[in-house]
């Protein structure tokens, strides 16, 4: 993808996130943070709280996913993009997602520090379904 298009896509998902909010009665919930990524809008670092509803199937499928949070463009845009991808996916499939999945989703290679920002929602969904 063209770099300018990628930047615009990420900025749009950060400003106008998909699936933003909290489910009233989620099957699973987890909050995670990256205190190393600080900025004027997020002096405490990046934060993502993910709530999901799961199907009764085996393995369960993510029927609905919503997130709230604050942080850098990459952390919030990736949370938006990931929630779109995880809806309709099995928990087992999402558990197998990795840094390559994230890089494909955002359309660029991620340095270790940027990967920390991008993986917040993925870490949150893994922890949410493991703790339920």
N, C-alpha and C. Protein backbone atom coordinates (compact mmCIF):
# COMPACT_ATOMS: atom_id res chain seq x y z
N UNK A 1 0.84 -1.19 0.00
CA UNK A 1 0.00 0.00 0.00
C UNK A 1 0.88 1.25 0.00
N UNK A 2 0.35 2.28 -0.56
CA UNK A 2 1.07 3.55 -0.59
C UNK A 2 1.10 4.14 0.82
N UNK A 3 2.26 4.67 1.21
CA UNK A 3 2.45 5.18 2.57
C UNK A 3 1.45 6.28 2.93
N UNK A 4 1.18 7.19 2.02
CA UNK A 4 0.23 8.27 2.29
C UNK A 4 -1.16 7.70 2.57
N UNK A 5 -1.58 6.72 1.79
CA UNK A 5 -2.88 6.10 1.98
C UNK A 5 -2.95 5.41 3.34
N UNK A 6 -1.88 4.72 3.72
CA UNK A 6 -1.83 4.04 5.01
C UNK A 6 -1.99 5.05 6.15
N UNK A 7 -1.24 6.14 6.08
CA UNK A 7 -1.34 7.17 7.13
C UNK A 7 -2.76 7.72 7.21
N UNK A 8 -3.39 7.96 6.06
CA UNK A 8 -4.76 8.48 6.05
C UNK A 8 -5.75 7.47 6.61
N UNK A 9 -5.57 6.19 6.26
CA UNK A 9 -6.44 5.14 6.77
C UNK A 9 -6.34 5.04 8.29
N UNK A 10 -5.12 5.03 8.81
CA UNK A 10 -4.92 4.93 10.26
C UNK A 10 -5.46 6.17 10.96
N UNK A 11 -5.23 7.34 10.40
CA UNK A 11 -5.75 8.57 11.01
C UNK A 11 -7.27 8.55 11.04
N UNK A 12 -7.89 8.07 9.97
CA UNK A 12 -9.35 8.01 9.93
C UNK A 12 -9.89 7.04 10.97
N UNK A 13 -9.27 5.87 11.10
CA UNK A 13 -9.73 4.91 12.11
C UNK A 13 -9.48 5.43 13.53
N UNK A 14 -8.48 6.25 13.71
CA UNK A 14 -8.22 6.83 15.03
C UNK A 14 -9.26 7.91 15.36
N UNK A 15 -9.58 8.74 14.38
CA UNK A 15 -10.56 9.81 14.59
C UNK A 15 -12.00 9.30 14.62
N UNK A 16 -12.28 8.30 13.80
CA UNK A 16 -13.63 7.75 13.65
C UNK A 16 -13.60 6.24 13.83
N UNK A 17 -13.30 5.80 15.05
CA UNK A 17 -13.11 4.36 15.26
C UNK A 17 -14.41 3.56 15.08
N UNK A 18 -14.25 2.38 14.54
CA UNK A 18 -15.35 1.42 14.43
C UNK A 18 -15.45 0.66 15.74
N UNK A 19 -16.66 0.30 16.11
CA UNK A 19 -16.90 -0.52 17.31
C UNK A 19 -16.42 0.14 18.59
N UNK A 20 -16.49 1.47 18.65
CA UNK A 20 -16.07 2.17 19.85
C UNK A 20 -17.22 2.18 20.85
N UNK A 21 -16.94 1.82 22.07
CA UNK A 21 -17.94 1.79 23.13
C UNK A 21 -17.72 0.57 24.02
N UNK A 22 -18.64 0.40 24.95
CA UNK A 22 -18.57 -0.75 25.86
C UNK A 22 -19.87 -1.51 25.81
N UNK A 23 -19.77 -2.83 25.76
CA UNK A 23 -20.96 -3.66 25.82
C UNK A 23 -21.47 -3.65 27.25
N UNK A 24 -22.78 -3.59 27.40
CA UNK A 24 -23.39 -3.50 28.73
C UNK A 24 -23.15 -4.77 29.56
N UNK A 25 -23.25 -5.92 28.92
CA UNK A 25 -23.10 -7.19 29.64
C UNK A 25 -22.22 -8.13 28.84
N UNK A 26 -20.91 -7.84 28.78
CA UNK A 26 -20.02 -8.65 27.94
C UNK A 26 -19.75 -10.03 28.54
N UNK A 27 -19.42 -10.96 27.66
CA UNK A 27 -18.99 -12.28 28.11
C UNK A 27 -17.55 -12.23 28.60
N UNK A 28 -16.79 -11.29 28.08
CA UNK A 28 -15.38 -11.16 28.48
C UNK A 28 -14.96 -9.71 28.33
N UNK A 29 -14.05 -9.29 29.21
CA UNK A 29 -13.57 -7.91 29.22
C UNK A 29 -12.13 -7.89 29.71
N UNK A 30 -11.33 -7.00 29.13
CA UNK A 30 -9.97 -6.83 29.62
C UNK A 30 -9.47 -5.45 29.28
N UNK A 31 -8.72 -4.87 30.21
CA UNK A 31 -8.09 -3.56 30.01
C UNK A 31 -6.59 -3.76 29.99
N UNK A 32 -5.93 -3.10 29.04
CA UNK A 32 -4.47 -3.18 28.96
C UNK A 32 -3.91 -1.82 28.60
N UNK A 33 -2.61 -1.65 28.86
CA UNK A 33 -2.02 -0.34 28.61
C UNK A 33 -0.57 -0.48 28.15
N UNK A 34 -0.08 0.60 27.60
CA UNK A 34 1.32 0.71 27.20
C UNK A 34 1.82 2.05 27.74
N UNK A 35 2.33 2.08 28.96
CA UNK A 35 2.74 3.34 29.57
C UNK A 35 3.96 3.99 28.91
N UNK A 36 4.61 3.28 28.01
CA UNK A 36 5.80 3.83 27.37
C UNK A 36 5.49 4.76 26.21
N UNK A 37 4.26 4.71 25.69
CA UNK A 37 3.87 5.57 24.56
C UNK A 37 3.05 6.73 25.12
N UNK A 38 3.70 7.84 25.39
CA UNK A 38 3.01 9.00 25.95
C UNK A 38 3.00 10.14 24.95
N UNK A 39 2.00 10.97 25.08
CA UNK A 39 1.87 12.13 24.20
C UNK A 39 0.94 13.13 24.83
N UNK A 40 0.70 14.25 24.17
CA UNK A 40 -0.14 15.31 24.75
C UNK A 40 -1.57 14.85 25.04
N UNK A 41 -2.11 13.96 24.20
CA UNK A 41 -3.48 13.49 24.42
C UNK A 41 -3.55 12.27 25.32
N UNK A 42 -2.42 11.70 25.62
CA UNK A 42 -2.38 10.49 26.45
C UNK A 42 -1.13 10.47 27.33
N UNK A 43 -1.06 11.38 28.31
CA UNK A 43 0.13 11.50 29.15
C UNK A 43 0.42 10.27 30.01
N UNK A 44 -0.58 9.42 30.20
CA UNK A 44 -0.38 8.19 30.98
C UNK A 44 -0.03 7.01 30.09
N UNK A 45 0.02 7.23 28.78
CA UNK A 45 0.30 6.14 27.84
C UNK A 45 -0.95 5.68 27.13
N UNK A 46 -0.79 4.68 26.28
CA UNK A 46 -1.92 4.11 25.53
C UNK A 46 -2.74 3.21 26.45
N UNK A 47 -4.06 3.24 26.25
CA UNK A 47 -4.96 2.36 27.01
C UNK A 47 -6.03 1.83 26.08
N UNK A 48 -6.37 0.55 26.23
CA UNK A 48 -7.46 -0.07 25.49
C UNK A 48 -8.21 -0.99 26.44
N UNK A 49 -9.53 -0.84 26.47
CA UNK A 49 -10.40 -1.78 27.18
C UNK A 49 -11.28 -2.43 26.12
N UNK A 50 -11.28 -3.74 26.09
CA UNK A 50 -12.03 -4.49 25.09
C UNK A 50 -13.12 -5.30 25.77
N UNK A 51 -14.33 -5.25 25.22
CA UNK A 51 -15.43 -6.08 25.69
C UNK A 51 -15.95 -6.90 24.51
N UNK A 52 -16.27 -8.17 24.76
CA UNK A 52 -16.74 -9.04 23.68
C UNK A 52 -17.92 -9.89 24.13
N UNK A 53 -18.76 -10.21 23.15
CA UNK A 53 -19.82 -11.21 23.32
C UNK A 53 -19.42 -12.40 22.47
N UNK A 54 -19.57 -13.59 23.05
CA UNK A 54 -19.17 -14.82 22.38
C UNK A 54 -20.38 -15.70 22.09
N UNK A 55 -20.27 -16.48 21.04
CA UNK A 55 -21.32 -17.43 20.70
C UNK A 55 -21.24 -18.63 21.65
N UNK A 56 -22.23 -19.48 21.58
CA UNK A 56 -22.24 -20.71 22.38
C UNK A 56 -21.60 -21.87 21.63
N UNK A 57 -21.06 -21.59 20.45
CA UNK A 57 -20.42 -22.63 19.65
C UNK A 57 -19.13 -23.10 20.31
N UNK A 58 -18.63 -24.25 19.83
CA UNK A 58 -17.33 -24.74 20.28
C UNK A 58 -16.46 -24.90 19.06
N UNK A 59 -15.36 -24.19 18.92
CA UNK A 59 -14.93 -23.10 19.81
C UNK A 59 -15.81 -21.87 19.62
N UNK A 60 -15.87 -21.02 20.63
CA UNK A 60 -16.71 -19.83 20.54
C UNK A 60 -16.25 -18.88 19.44
N UNK A 61 -17.23 -18.19 18.88
CA UNK A 61 -16.99 -17.17 17.86
C UNK A 61 -17.26 -15.81 18.50
N UNK A 62 -16.46 -14.83 18.15
CA UNK A 62 -16.68 -13.47 18.65
C UNK A 62 -17.83 -12.86 17.85
N UNK A 63 -18.95 -12.66 18.52
CA UNK A 63 -20.13 -12.11 17.85
C UNK A 63 -20.11 -10.59 17.81
N UNK A 64 -19.64 -9.98 18.88
CA UNK A 64 -19.57 -8.53 18.98
C UNK A 64 -18.31 -8.17 19.75
N UNK A 65 -17.67 -7.10 19.31
CA UNK A 65 -16.48 -6.61 20.01
C UNK A 65 -16.53 -5.09 20.01
N UNK A 66 -16.28 -4.51 21.16
CA UNK A 66 -16.19 -3.06 21.27
C UNK A 66 -14.99 -2.70 22.13
N UNK A 67 -14.49 -1.49 21.91
CA UNK A 67 -13.35 -1.05 22.70
C UNK A 67 -13.53 0.42 23.07
N UNK A 68 -12.85 0.78 24.14
CA UNK A 68 -12.67 2.18 24.52
C UNK A 68 -11.19 2.35 24.78
N UNK A 69 -10.75 3.58 24.75
CA UNK A 69 -9.36 3.81 25.05
C UNK A 69 -8.91 5.19 24.65
N UNK A 70 -7.63 5.39 24.86
CA UNK A 70 -6.99 6.63 24.44
C UNK A 70 -5.54 6.29 24.17
N UNK A 71 -4.94 7.11 23.33
CA UNK A 71 -3.55 6.85 23.03
C UNK A 71 -3.16 7.35 21.66
N UNK A 72 -2.07 6.84 21.19
CA UNK A 72 -1.54 7.27 19.90
C UNK A 72 -2.45 6.79 18.77
N UNK A 73 -2.27 7.38 17.62
CA UNK A 73 -3.06 7.03 16.45
C UNK A 73 -2.98 5.53 16.17
N UNK A 74 -1.79 4.96 16.24
CA UNK A 74 -1.62 3.55 15.91
C UNK A 74 -2.38 2.64 16.88
N UNK A 75 -2.32 2.91 18.17
CA UNK A 75 -3.00 2.04 19.13
C UNK A 75 -4.52 2.08 18.94
N UNK A 76 -5.06 3.26 18.71
CA UNK A 76 -6.51 3.39 18.58
C UNK A 76 -7.00 2.91 17.21
N UNK A 77 -6.26 3.20 16.15
CA UNK A 77 -6.63 2.74 14.81
C UNK A 77 -6.56 1.22 14.72
N UNK A 78 -5.53 0.63 15.30
CA UNK A 78 -5.41 -0.82 15.26
C UNK A 78 -6.53 -1.48 16.06
N UNK A 79 -6.91 -0.90 17.18
CA UNK A 79 -8.04 -1.44 17.95
C UNK A 79 -9.30 -1.42 17.10
N UNK A 80 -9.53 -0.34 16.38
CA UNK A 80 -10.68 -0.24 15.49
C UNK A 80 -10.62 -1.30 14.39
N UNK A 81 -9.49 -1.40 13.73
CA UNK A 81 -9.32 -2.39 12.66
C UNK A 81 -9.43 -3.82 13.18
N UNK A 82 -8.84 -4.09 14.33
CA UNK A 82 -8.89 -5.45 14.89
C UNK A 82 -10.30 -5.86 15.30
N UNK A 83 -11.06 -4.93 15.88
CA UNK A 83 -12.42 -5.31 16.26
C UNK A 83 -13.24 -5.66 15.02
N UNK A 84 -13.01 -4.96 13.92
CA UNK A 84 -13.70 -5.31 12.68
C UNK A 84 -13.32 -6.71 12.22
N UNK A 85 -12.04 -7.04 12.31
CA UNK A 85 -11.55 -8.34 11.88
C UNK A 85 -12.00 -9.47 12.80
N UNK A 86 -12.06 -9.21 14.10
CA UNK A 86 -12.35 -10.31 15.03
C UNK A 86 -13.82 -10.69 15.06
N UNK A 87 -14.72 -9.78 14.70
CA UNK A 87 -16.14 -10.12 14.69
C UNK A 87 -16.38 -11.20 13.64
N UNK A 88 -16.93 -12.32 14.07
CA UNK A 88 -17.17 -13.45 13.18
C UNK A 88 -16.03 -14.46 13.18
N UNK A 89 -14.94 -14.15 13.86
CA UNK A 89 -13.80 -15.06 13.94
C UNK A 89 -13.90 -15.90 15.21
N UNK A 90 -13.36 -17.11 15.15
CA UNK A 90 -13.36 -17.94 16.35
C UNK A 90 -12.29 -17.43 17.31
N UNK A 91 -12.50 -17.69 18.58
CA UNK A 91 -11.53 -17.32 19.60
C UNK A 91 -10.20 -18.01 19.31
N UNK A 92 -10.26 -19.27 18.85
CA UNK A 92 -9.03 -20.01 18.54
C UNK A 92 -8.26 -19.34 17.41
N UNK A 93 -8.97 -18.85 16.40
CA UNK A 93 -8.32 -18.17 15.28
C UNK A 93 -7.65 -16.88 15.74
N UNK A 94 -8.37 -16.09 16.53
CA UNK A 94 -7.83 -14.82 17.02
C UNK A 94 -6.61 -15.06 17.92
N UNK A 95 -6.62 -16.13 18.68
CA UNK A 95 -5.48 -16.46 19.55
C UNK A 95 -4.22 -16.71 18.74
N UNK A 96 -4.37 -17.11 17.48
CA UNK A 96 -3.21 -17.39 16.63
C UNK A 96 -2.69 -16.15 15.91
N UNK A 97 -3.40 -15.03 15.97
CA UNK A 97 -2.93 -13.81 15.32
C UNK A 97 -1.64 -13.35 15.97
N UNK A 98 -0.75 -12.78 15.17
CA UNK A 98 0.56 -12.38 15.67
C UNK A 98 0.99 -11.05 15.05
N UNK A 99 2.26 -10.72 15.21
CA UNK A 99 2.76 -9.44 14.69
C UNK A 99 2.60 -9.35 13.18
N UNK A 100 2.73 -10.45 12.49
CA UNK A 100 2.54 -10.44 11.03
C UNK A 100 1.08 -10.09 10.68
N UNK A 101 0.15 -10.62 11.45
CA UNK A 101 -1.26 -10.29 11.25
C UNK A 101 -1.46 -8.79 11.42
N UNK A 102 -0.88 -8.23 12.47
CA UNK A 102 -1.02 -6.79 12.72
C UNK A 102 -0.39 -5.97 11.61
N UNK A 103 0.79 -6.35 11.17
CA UNK A 103 1.45 -5.62 10.10
C UNK A 103 0.64 -5.66 8.80
N UNK A 104 0.04 -6.81 8.50
CA UNK A 104 -0.81 -6.90 7.33
C UNK A 104 -2.04 -6.02 7.47
N UNK A 105 -2.60 -5.99 8.67
CA UNK A 105 -3.80 -5.20 8.92
C UNK A 105 -3.54 -3.70 8.77
N UNK A 106 -2.42 -3.22 9.30
CA UNK A 106 -2.13 -1.78 9.23
C UNK A 106 -1.35 -1.41 7.98
N UNK A 107 -0.87 -2.40 7.25
CA UNK A 107 -0.23 -2.12 5.97
C UNK A 107 1.20 -1.64 6.03
N UNK A 108 1.89 -1.95 7.12
CA UNK A 108 3.29 -1.53 7.21
C UNK A 108 4.05 -2.40 8.21
N UNK A 109 5.37 -2.39 8.07
CA UNK A 109 6.23 -3.05 9.04
C UNK A 109 6.22 -2.23 10.32
N UNK A 110 6.25 -2.91 11.46
CA UNK A 110 6.21 -2.23 12.74
C UNK A 110 7.50 -2.47 13.51
N UNK A 111 8.11 -1.39 13.97
CA UNK A 111 9.28 -1.50 14.84
C UNK A 111 8.81 -2.07 16.18
N UNK A 112 9.71 -2.58 17.01
CA UNK A 112 9.29 -3.12 18.30
C UNK A 112 8.47 -2.13 19.15
N UNK A 113 8.84 -0.86 19.17
CA UNK A 113 8.08 0.10 19.98
C UNK A 113 6.70 0.36 19.38
N UNK A 114 6.58 0.39 18.07
CA UNK A 114 5.28 0.60 17.43
C UNK A 114 4.42 -0.65 17.54
N UNK A 115 5.04 -1.82 17.56
CA UNK A 115 4.29 -3.06 17.74
C UNK A 115 3.60 -3.07 19.10
N UNK A 116 4.27 -2.54 20.12
CA UNK A 116 3.65 -2.44 21.46
C UNK A 116 2.36 -1.65 21.41
N UNK A 117 2.34 -0.59 20.62
CA UNK A 117 1.13 0.23 20.46
C UNK A 117 0.05 -0.55 19.70
N UNK A 118 0.46 -1.18 18.62
CA UNK A 118 -0.49 -1.85 17.74
C UNK A 118 -1.11 -3.10 18.37
N UNK A 119 -0.39 -3.76 19.26
CA UNK A 119 -0.87 -5.03 19.78
C UNK A 119 -1.78 -4.91 21.01
N UNK A 120 -2.06 -3.71 21.47
CA UNK A 120 -2.86 -3.57 22.69
C UNK A 120 -4.21 -4.28 22.60
N UNK A 121 -4.95 -4.08 21.53
CA UNK A 121 -6.27 -4.71 21.42
C UNK A 121 -6.16 -6.23 21.29
N UNK A 122 -5.12 -6.69 20.62
CA UNK A 122 -4.91 -8.13 20.49
C UNK A 122 -4.58 -8.75 21.85
N UNK A 123 -3.74 -8.09 22.61
CA UNK A 123 -3.42 -8.55 23.98
C UNK A 123 -4.70 -8.56 24.82
N UNK A 124 -5.50 -7.51 24.67
CA UNK A 124 -6.74 -7.41 25.46
C UNK A 124 -7.70 -8.54 25.14
N UNK A 125 -7.90 -8.85 23.87
CA UNK A 125 -8.86 -9.92 23.54
C UNK A 125 -8.34 -11.28 23.99
N UNK A 126 -7.06 -11.52 23.86
CA UNK A 126 -6.51 -12.79 24.34
C UNK A 126 -6.72 -12.94 25.83
N UNK A 127 -6.40 -11.90 26.60
CA UNK A 127 -6.56 -11.95 28.06
C UNK A 127 -8.03 -12.03 28.45
N UNK A 128 -8.88 -11.35 27.72
CA UNK A 128 -10.32 -11.37 28.03
C UNK A 128 -10.88 -12.77 27.91
N UNK A 129 -10.61 -13.45 26.81
CA UNK A 129 -11.20 -14.78 26.62
C UNK A 129 -10.52 -15.83 27.49
N UNK A 130 -9.26 -15.65 27.83
CA UNK A 130 -8.58 -16.59 28.72
C UNK A 130 -9.09 -16.50 30.15
N UNK A 131 -9.51 -15.30 30.56
CA UNK A 131 -9.92 -15.10 31.96
C UNK A 131 -11.40 -15.35 32.20
N UNK A 132 -12.13 -15.68 31.17
CA UNK A 132 -13.58 -15.86 31.37
C UNK A 132 -13.91 -17.22 31.91
